[in-house]
PDB file of N, CA and C in Angstrom:
ATOM      1  N   MET A   1     -14.587  11.827 -28.616  1.00  0.00           N
ATOM      2  CA  MET A   1     -13.309  12.413 -29.038  1.00  0.00           C
ATOM      3  C   MET A   1     -13.104  12.235 -30.515  1.00  0.00           C
ATOM      4  N   LYS A   2     -12.697  13.259 -31.102  1.00  0.00           N
ATOM      5  CA  LYS A   2     -12.380  13.281 -32.559  1.00  0.00           C
ATOM      6  C   LYS A   2     -11.120  12.531 -32.788  1.00  0.00           C
ATOM      7  N   ALA A   3     -11.000  11.964 -33.956  1.00  0.00           N
ATOM      8  CA  ALA A   3      -9.788  11.128 -34.337  1.00  0.00           C
ATOM      9  C   ALA A   3      -8.537  11.946 -34.277  1.00  0.00           C
ATOM     10  N   LYS A   4      -8.597  13.229 -34.638  1.00  0.00           N
ATOM     11  CA  LYS A   4      -7.313  14.091 -34.634  1.00  0.00           C
ATOM     12  C   LYS A   4      -6.877  14.255 -33.216  1.00  0.00           C
ATOM     13  N   GLU A   5      -7.773  14.481 -32.289  1.00  0.00           N
ATOM     14  CA  GLU A   5      -7.416  14.622 -30.865  1.00  0.00           C
ATOM     15  C   GLU A   5      -6.854  13.338 -30.303  1.00  0.00           C
ATOM     16  N   PHE A   6      -7.513  12.171 -30.629  1.00  0.00           N
ATOM     17  CA  PHE A   6      -7.002  10.910 -30.241  1.00  0.00           C
ATOM     18  C   PHE A   6      -5.616  10.652 -30.740  1.00  0.00           C
ATOM     19  N   ASP A   7      -5.376  10.869 -32.041  1.00  0.00           N
ATOM     20  CA  ASP A   7      -4.029  10.692 -32.599  1.00  0.00           C
ATOM     21  C   ASP A   7      -3.036  11.615 -31.907  1.00  0.00           C
ATOM     22  N   LYS A   8      -3.389  12.788 -31.615  1.00  0.00           N
ATOM     23  CA  LYS A   8      -2.450  13.734 -30.985  1.00  0.00           C
ATOM     24  C   LYS A   8      -2.052  13.225 -29.636  1.00  0.00           C
ATOM     25  N   LYS A   9      -3.023  12.755 -28.871  1.00  0.00           N
ATOM     26  CA  LYS A   9      -2.711  12.219 -27.541  1.00  0.00           C
ATOM     27  C   LYS A   9      -1.838  10.918 -27.672  1.00  0.00           C
ATOM     28  N   PHE A  10      -2.163  10.087 -28.577  1.00  0.00           N
ATOM     29  CA  PHE A  10      -1.446   8.879 -28.777  1.00  0.00           C
ATOM     30  C   PHE A  10       0.024   9.188 -29.251  1.00  0.00           C
ATOM     31  N   ASP A  11       0.134  10.057 -30.119  1.00  0.00           N
ATOM     32  CA  ASP A  11       1.493  10.441 -30.630  1.00  0.00           C
ATOM     33  C   ASP A  11       2.358  11.087 -29.539  1.00  0.00           C
ATOM     34  N   SER A  12       1.684  11.815 -28.571  1.00  0.00           N
ATOM     35  CA  SER A  12       2.493  12.420 -27.548  1.00  0.00           C
ATOM     36  C   SER A  12       2.630  11.479 -26.275  1.00  0.00           C
ATOM     37  N   ASN A  13       2.411  10.154 -26.526  1.00  0.00           N
ATOM     38  CA  ASN A  13       2.609   9.133 -25.493  1.00  0.00           C
ATOM     39  C   ASN A  13       1.605   9.275 -24.319  1.00  0.00           C
ATOM     40  N   GLN A  14       0.512   9.930 -24.522  1.00  0.00           N
ATOM     41  CA  GLN A  14      -0.525   9.986 -23.441  1.00  0.00           C
ATOM     42  C   GLN A  14      -1.304   8.678 -23.413  1.00  0.00           C
ATOM     43  N   ASP A  15      -1.775   8.336 -22.292  1.00  0.00           N
ATOM     44  CA  ASP A  15      -2.648   7.115 -22.128  1.00  0.00           C
ATOM     45  C   ASP A  15      -3.992   7.340 -22.774  1.00  0.00           C
ATOM     46  N   VAL A  16      -4.297   6.526 -23.767  1.00  0.00           N
ATOM     47  CA  VAL A  16      -5.584   6.701 -24.483  1.00  0.00           C
ATOM     48  C   VAL A  16      -6.491   5.474 -24.262  1.00  0.00           C
ATOM     49  N   THR A  17      -6.075   4.560 -23.369  1.00  0.00           N
ATOM     50  CA  THR A  17      -6.862   3.393 -23.185  1.00  0.00           C
ATOM     51  C   THR A  17      -8.287   3.650 -22.629  1.00  0.00           C
ATOM     52  N   ALA A  18      -8.444   4.722 -21.906  1.00  0.00           N
ATOM     53  CA  ALA A  18      -9.782   5.016 -21.439  1.00  0.00           C
ATOM     54  C   ALA A  18     -10.779   5.351 -22.551  1.00  0.00           C
ATOM     55  N   HIS A  19     -10.229   5.635 -23.702  1.00  0.00           N
ATOM     56  CA  HIS A  19     -11.016   6.057 -24.850  1.00  0.00           C
ATOM     57  C   HIS A  19     -11.253   4.851 -25.800  1.00  0.00           C
ATOM     58  N   LEU A  20     -10.788   3.699 -25.442  1.00  0.00           N
ATOM     59  CA  LEU A  20     -10.908   2.531 -26.302  1.00  0.00           C
ATOM     60  C   LEU A  20     -11.979   1.561 -25.757  1.00  0.00           C
ATOM     61  N   ASN A  21     -12.733   0.948 -26.589  1.00  0.00           N
ATOM     62  CA  ASN A  21     -13.653  -0.124 -26.238  1.00  0.00           C
ATOM     63  C   ASN A  21     -12.982  -1.484 -26.678  1.00  0.00           C
ATOM     64  N   VAL A  22     -12.289  -2.049 -25.730  1.00  0.00           N
ATOM     65  CA  VAL A  22     -11.552  -3.363 -26.001  1.00  0.00           C
ATOM     66  C   VAL A  22     -12.347  -4.593 -25.821  1.00  0.00           C
ATOM     67  N   SER A  23     -13.666  -4.429 -25.468  1.00  0.00           N
ATOM     68  CA  SER A  23     -14.569  -5.612 -25.201  1.00  0.00           C
ATOM     69  C   SER A  23     -14.686  -6.489 -26.411  1.00  0.00           C
ATOM     70  N   LYS A  24     -14.557  -5.872 -27.603  1.00  0.00           N
ATOM     71  CA  LYS A  24     -14.724  -6.702 -28.796  1.00  0.00           C
ATOM     72  C   LYS A  24     -13.462  -6.740 -29.632  1.00  0.00           C
ATOM     73  N   ALA A  25     -12.327  -6.420 -28.987  1.00  0.00           N
ATOM     74  CA  ALA A  25     -11.033  -6.433 -29.687  1.00  0.00           C
ATOM     75  C   ALA A  25     -10.701  -7.884 -30.082  1.00  0.00           C
ATOM     76  N   ARG A  26     -10.118  -8.088 -31.214  1.00  0.00           N
ATOM     77  CA  ARG A  26      -9.737  -9.380 -31.698  1.00  0.00           C
ATOM     78  C   ARG A  26      -8.315  -9.306 -32.242  1.00  0.00           C
ATOM     79  N   ARG A  27      -7.587 -10.386 -32.165  1.00  0.00           N
ATOM     80  CA  ARG A  27      -6.249 -10.458 -32.772  1.00  0.00           C
ATOM     81  C   ARG A  27      -6.413 -11.293 -34.057  1.00  0.00           C
ATOM     82  N   PRO A  28      -6.281 -10.683 -35.181  1.00  0.00           N
ATOM     83  CA  PRO A  28      -6.409 -11.401 -36.494  1.00  0.00           C
ATOM     84  C   PRO A  28      -5.478 -12.603 -36.523  1.00  0.00           C
ATOM     85  N   GLY A  29      -6.024 -13.763 -36.943  1.00  0.00           N
ATOM     86  CA  GLY A  29      -5.275 -14.936 -37.030  1.00  0.00           C
ATOM     87  C   GLY A  29      -5.223 -15.775 -35.712  1.00  0.00           C
ATOM     88  N   HIS A  30      -5.812 -15.185 -34.663  1.00  0.00           N
ATOM     89  CA  HIS A  30      -5.776 -15.865 -33.375  1.00  0.00           C
ATOM     90  C   HIS A  30      -7.182 -16.294 -32.935  1.00  0.00           C
ATOM     91  N   GLU A  31      -8.133 -16.313 -33.823  1.00  0.00           N
ATOM     92  CA  GLU A  31      -9.490 -16.707 -33.478  1.00  0.00           C
ATOM     93  C   GLU A  31      -9.448 -18.177 -33.091  1.00  0.00           C
ATOM     94  N   GLN A  32     -10.302 -18.559 -32.142  1.00  0.00           N
ATOM     95  CA  GLN A  32     -10.329 -19.941 -31.655  1.00  0.00           C
ATOM     96  C   GLN A  32     -11.271 -20.770 -32.564  1.00  0.00           C
ATOM     97  N   LYS A  33     -10.856 -21.958 -32.839  1.00  0.00           N
ATOM     98  CA  LYS A  33     -11.740 -22.944 -33.576  1.00  0.00           C
ATOM     99  C   LYS A  33     -11.607 -24.253 -32.839  1.00  0.00           C
ATOM    100  N   ARG A  34     -12.726 -24.912 -32.699  1.00  0.00           N
ATOM    101  CA  ARG A  34     -12.789 -26.202 -32.026  1.00  0.00           C
ATOM    102  C   ARG A  34     -12.448 -27.366 -32.945  1.00  0.00           C
ATOM    103  N   VAL A  35     -11.540 -28.218 -32.455  1.00  0.00           N
ATOM    104  CA  VAL A  35     -11.145 -29.379 -33.245  1.00  0.00           C
ATOM    105  C   VAL A  35     -11.288 -30.657 -32.314  1.00  0.00           C
ATOM    106  N   ASN A  36     -11.869 -31.667 -32.815  1.00  0.00           N
ATOM    107  CA  ASN A  36     -11.966 -32.896 -32.004  1.00  0.00           C
ATOM    108  C   ASN A  36     -10.966 -33.863 -32.573  1.00  0.00           C
ATOM    109  N   VAL A  37     -10.160 -34.424 -31.663  1.00  0.00           N
ATOM    110  CA  VAL A  37      -9.157 -35.394 -32.006  1.00  0.00           C
ATOM    111  C   VAL A  37      -9.300 -36.587 -31.093  1.00  0.00           C
ATOM    112  N   ASP A  38      -9.262 -37.785 -31.713  1.00  0.00           N
ATOM    113  CA  ASP A  38      -9.315 -39.047 -30.907  1.00  0.00           C
ATOM    114  C   ASP A  38      -7.928 -39.568 -30.672  1.00  0.00           C
ATOM    115  N   PHE A  39      -7.584 -39.811 -29.419  1.00  0.00           N
ATOM    116  CA  PHE A  39      -6.259 -40.376 -28.992  1.00  0.00           C
ATOM    117  C   PHE A  39      -6.441 -41.672 -28.347  1.00  0.00           C
ATOM    118  N   PRO A  40      -5.443 -42.595 -28.507  1.00  0.00           N
ATOM    119  CA  PRO A  40      -5.510 -43.852 -27.745  1.00  0.00           C
ATOM    120  C   PRO A  40      -5.410 -43.517 -26.235  1.00  0.00           C
ATOM    121  N   SER A  41      -5.933 -44.414 -25.435  1.00  0.00           N
ATOM    122  CA  SER A  41      -5.899 -44.135 -23.985  1.00  0.00           C
ATOM    123  C   SER A  41      -4.545 -43.954 -23.406  1.00  0.00           C
ATOM    124  N   TRP A  42      -3.544 -44.664 -23.923  1.00  0.00           N
ATOM    125  CA  TRP A  42      -2.173 -44.441 -23.326  1.00  0.00           C
ATOM    126  C   TRP A  42      -1.681 -43.039 -23.620  1.00  0.00           C
ATOM    127  N   VAL A  43      -2.080 -42.384 -24.733  1.00  0.00           N
ATOM    128  CA  VAL A  43      -1.685 -41.013 -25.018  1.00  0.00           C
ATOM    129  C   VAL A  43      -2.353 -40.042 -24.003  1.00  0.00           C
ATOM    130  N   ILE A  44      -3.662 -40.323 -23.754  1.00  0.00           N
ATOM    131  CA  ILE A  44      -4.389 -39.472 -22.789  1.00  0.00           C
ATOM    132  C   ILE A  44      -3.703 -39.587 -21.428  1.00  0.00           C
ATOM    133  N   GLU A  45      -3.335 -40.867 -21.022  1.00  0.00           N
ATOM    134  CA  GLU A  45      -2.703 -41.022 -19.689  1.00  0.00           C
ATOM    135  C   GLU A  45      -1.405 -40.239 -19.627  1.00  0.00           C
ATOM    136  N   GLN A  46      -0.642 -40.308 -20.703  1.00  0.00           N
ATOM    137  CA  GLN A  46       0.641 -39.568 -20.706  1.00  0.00           C
ATOM    138  C   GLN A  46       0.450 -38.040 -20.750  1.00  0.00           C
ATOM    139  N   LEU A  47      -0.590 -37.592 -21.510  1.00  0.00           N
ATOM    140  CA  LEU A  47      -0.907 -36.159 -21.494  1.00  0.00           C
ATOM    141  C   LEU A  47      -1.342 -35.669 -20.087  1.00  0.00           C
ATOM    142  N   ASP A  48      -2.180 -36.506 -19.407  1.00  0.00           N
ATOM    143  CA  ASP A  48      -2.623 -36.142 -18.103  1.00  0.00           C
ATOM    144  C   ASP A  48      -1.438 -36.087 -17.088  1.00  0.00           C
ATOM    145  N   PHE A  49      -0.563 -37.074 -17.245  1.00  0.00           N
ATOM    146  CA  PHE A  49       0.626 -37.104 -16.386  1.00  0.00           C
ATOM    147  C   PHE A  49       1.411 -35.852 -16.550  1.00  0.00           C
ATOM    148  N   GLN A  50       1.761 -35.492 -17.786  1.00  0.00           N
ATOM    149  CA  GLN A  50       2.538 -34.232 -18.065  1.00  0.00           C
ATOM    150  C   GLN A  50       1.770 -33.030 -17.642  1.00  0.00           C
ATOM    151  N   ALA A  51       0.507 -32.989 -17.883  1.00  0.00           N
ATOM    152  CA  ALA A  51      -0.282 -31.747 -17.457  1.00  0.00           C
ATOM    153  C   ALA A  51      -0.219 -31.617 -15.968  1.00  0.00           C
ATOM    154  N   LYS A  52      -0.348 -32.721 -15.254  1.00  0.00           N
ATOM    155  CA  LYS A  52      -0.258 -32.661 -13.752  1.00  0.00           C
ATOM    156  C   LYS A  52       1.136 -32.170 -13.290  1.00  0.00           C
ATOM    157  N   ARG A  53       2.172 -32.755 -13.950  1.00  0.00           N
ATOM    158  CA  ARG A  53       3.529 -32.386 -13.637  1.00  0.00           C
ATOM    159  C   ARG A  53       3.799 -30.914 -13.904  1.00  0.00           C
ATOM    160  N   LEU A  54       3.233 -30.375 -14.963  1.00  0.00           N
ATOM    161  CA  LEU A  54       3.411 -28.942 -15.275  1.00  0.00           C
ATOM    162  C   LEU A  54       2.449 -28.029 -14.592  1.00  0.00           C
ATOM    163  N   GLY A  55       1.390 -28.584 -13.988  1.00  0.00           N
ATOM    164  CA  GLY A  55       0.401 -27.776 -13.288  1.00  0.00           C
ATOM    165  C   GLY A  55      -0.557 -27.048 -14.228  1.00  0.00           C
ATOM    166  N   VAL A  56      -0.836 -27.670 -15.373  1.00  0.00           N
ATOM    167  CA  VAL A  56      -1.739 -27.083 -16.386  1.00  0.00           C
ATOM    168  C   VAL A  56      -2.736 -28.124 -16.821  1.00  0.00           C
ATOM    169  N   THR A  57      -3.687 -27.770 -17.681  1.00  0.00           N
ATOM    170  CA  THR A  57      -4.676 -28.631 -18.110  1.00  0.00           C
ATOM    171  C   THR A  57      -4.110 -29.478 -19.340  1.00  0.00           C
ATOM    172  N   ARG A  58      -4.831 -30.593 -19.558  1.00  0.00           N
ATOM    173  CA  ARG A  58      -4.467 -31.400 -20.711  1.00  0.00           C
ATOM    174  C   ARG A  58      -4.463 -30.596 -22.012  1.00  0.00           C
ATOM    175  N   GLN A  59      -5.573 -29.792 -22.161  1.00  0.00           N
ATOM    176  CA  GLN A  59      -5.728 -28.961 -23.307  1.00  0.00           C
ATOM    177  C   GLN A  59      -4.514 -28.031 -23.446  1.00  0.00           C
ATOM    178  N   SER A  60      -4.009 -27.468 -22.386  1.00  0.00           N
ATOM    179  CA  SER A  60      -2.875 -26.520 -22.452  1.00  0.00           C
ATOM    180  C   SER A  60      -1.630 -27.276 -22.956  1.00  0.00           C
ATOM    181  N   VAL A  61      -1.438 -28.457 -22.465  1.00  0.00           N
ATOM    182  CA  VAL A  61      -0.277 -29.272 -22.880  1.00  0.00           C
ATOM    183  C   VAL A  61      -0.305 -29.529 -24.361  1.00  0.00           C
ATOM    184  N   ILE A  62      -1.483 -29.959 -24.851  1.00  0.00           N
ATOM    185  CA  ILE A  62      -1.632 -30.207 -26.293  1.00  0.00           C
ATOM    186  C   ILE A  62      -1.383 -28.951 -27.093  1.00  0.00           C
ATOM    187  N   LYS A  63      -1.964 -27.839 -26.660  1.00  0.00           N
ATOM    188  CA  LYS A  63      -1.745 -26.587 -27.384  1.00  0.00           C
ATOM    189  C   LYS A  63      -0.318 -26.110 -27.373  1.00  0.00           C
ATOM    190  N   MET A  64       0.387 -26.247 -26.262  1.00  0.00           N
ATOM    191  CA  MET A  64       1.774 -25.837 -26.130  1.00  0.00           C
ATOM    192  C   MET A  64       2.655 -26.684 -27.098  1.00  0.00           C
ATOM    193  N   TRP A  65       2.462 -27.993 -26.991  1.00  0.00           N
ATOM    194  CA  TRP A  65       3.351 -28.898 -27.780  1.00  0.00           C
ATOM    195  C   TRP A  65       3.080 -28.734 -29.254  1.00  0.00           C
ATOM    196  N   ILE A  66       1.862 -28.563 -29.665  1.00  0.00           N
ATOM    197  CA  ILE A  66       1.567 -28.377 -31.127  1.00  0.00           C
ATOM    198  C   ILE A  66       2.205 -27.071 -31.586  1.00  0.00           C
ATOM    199  N   ALA A  67       1.996 -25.979 -30.775  1.00  0.00           N
ATOM    200  CA  ALA A  67       2.550 -24.698 -31.128  1.00  0.00           C
ATOM    201  C   ALA A  67       4.070 -24.740 -31.187  1.00  0.00           C
ATOM    202  N   GLU A  68       4.712 -25.435 -30.283  1.00  0.00           N
ATOM    203  CA  GLU A  68       6.169 -25.558 -30.271  1.00  0.00           C
ATOM    204  C   GLU A  68       6.641 -26.314 -31.535  1.00  0.00           C
ATOM    205  N   ARG A  69       5.947 -27.353 -31.871  1.00  0.00           N
ATOM    206  CA  ARG A  69       6.311 -28.140 -33.060  1.00  0.00           C
ATOM    207  C   ARG A  69       6.143 -27.317 -34.359  1.00  0.00           C
ATOM    208  N   LEU A  70       5.007 -26.676 -34.415  1.00  0.00           N
ATOM    209  CA  LEU A  70       4.764 -25.821 -35.652  1.00  0.00           C
ATOM    210  C   LEU A  70       5.814 -24.696 -35.736  1.00  0.00           C
ATOM    211  N   ASP A  71       6.194 -24.116 -34.618  1.00  0.00           N
ATOM    212  CA  ASP A  71       7.216 -23.089 -34.604  1.00  0.00           C
ATOM    213  C   ASP A  71       8.549 -23.638 -35.095  1.00  0.00           C
ATOM    214  N   GLN A  72       8.921 -24.911 -34.653  1.00  0.00           N
ATOM    215  CA  GLN A  72      10.149 -25.500 -35.053  1.00  0.00           C
ATOM    216  C   GLN A  72      10.118 -25.781 -36.542  1.00  0.00           C
ATOM    217  N   LEU A  73       9.040 -26.183 -37.061  1.00  0.00           N
ATOM    218  CA  LEU A  73       8.876 -26.511 -38.534  1.00  0.00           C
ATOM    219  C   LEU A  73       8.981 -25.213 -39.360  1.00  0.00           C
ATOM    220  N   SER A  74       8.396 -24.129 -38.865  1.00  0.00           N
ATOM    221  CA  SER A  74       8.461 -22.937 -39.636  1.00  0.00           C
ATOM    222  C   SER A  74       9.775 -22.203 -39.532  1.00  0.00           C
ATOM    223  N   SER A  75      10.606 -22.576 -38.519  1.00  0.00           N
ATOM    224  CA  SER A  75      11.934 -21.977 -38.353  1.00  0.00           C
ATOM    225  C   SER A  75      12.966 -22.729 -39.227  1.00  0.00           C
ATOM    226  N   SER A  76      12.651 -23.845 -39.658  1.00  0.00           N
ATOM    227  CA  SER A  76      13.647 -24.694 -40.413  1.00  0.00           C
ATOM    228  C   SER A  76      13.441 -24.594 -41.928  1.00  0.00           C
TER     229      SER A  76
END
């Protein structure tokens, strides 16, 4: 499909998703990077407790809390 035809369909609110290859789509600024952090055992125990209470993984709790804190800091 030519770009003009694609743009025309998009501009007229037609579904163009069948013409997209999203297998390699990326969100700029949202790339994952691995970070190793050492915590005392009591922190791990509390993280695991909260993760179980929330029904998520330890990693999810850490990510959520850090993201919330960063959001608070950027809002102030």
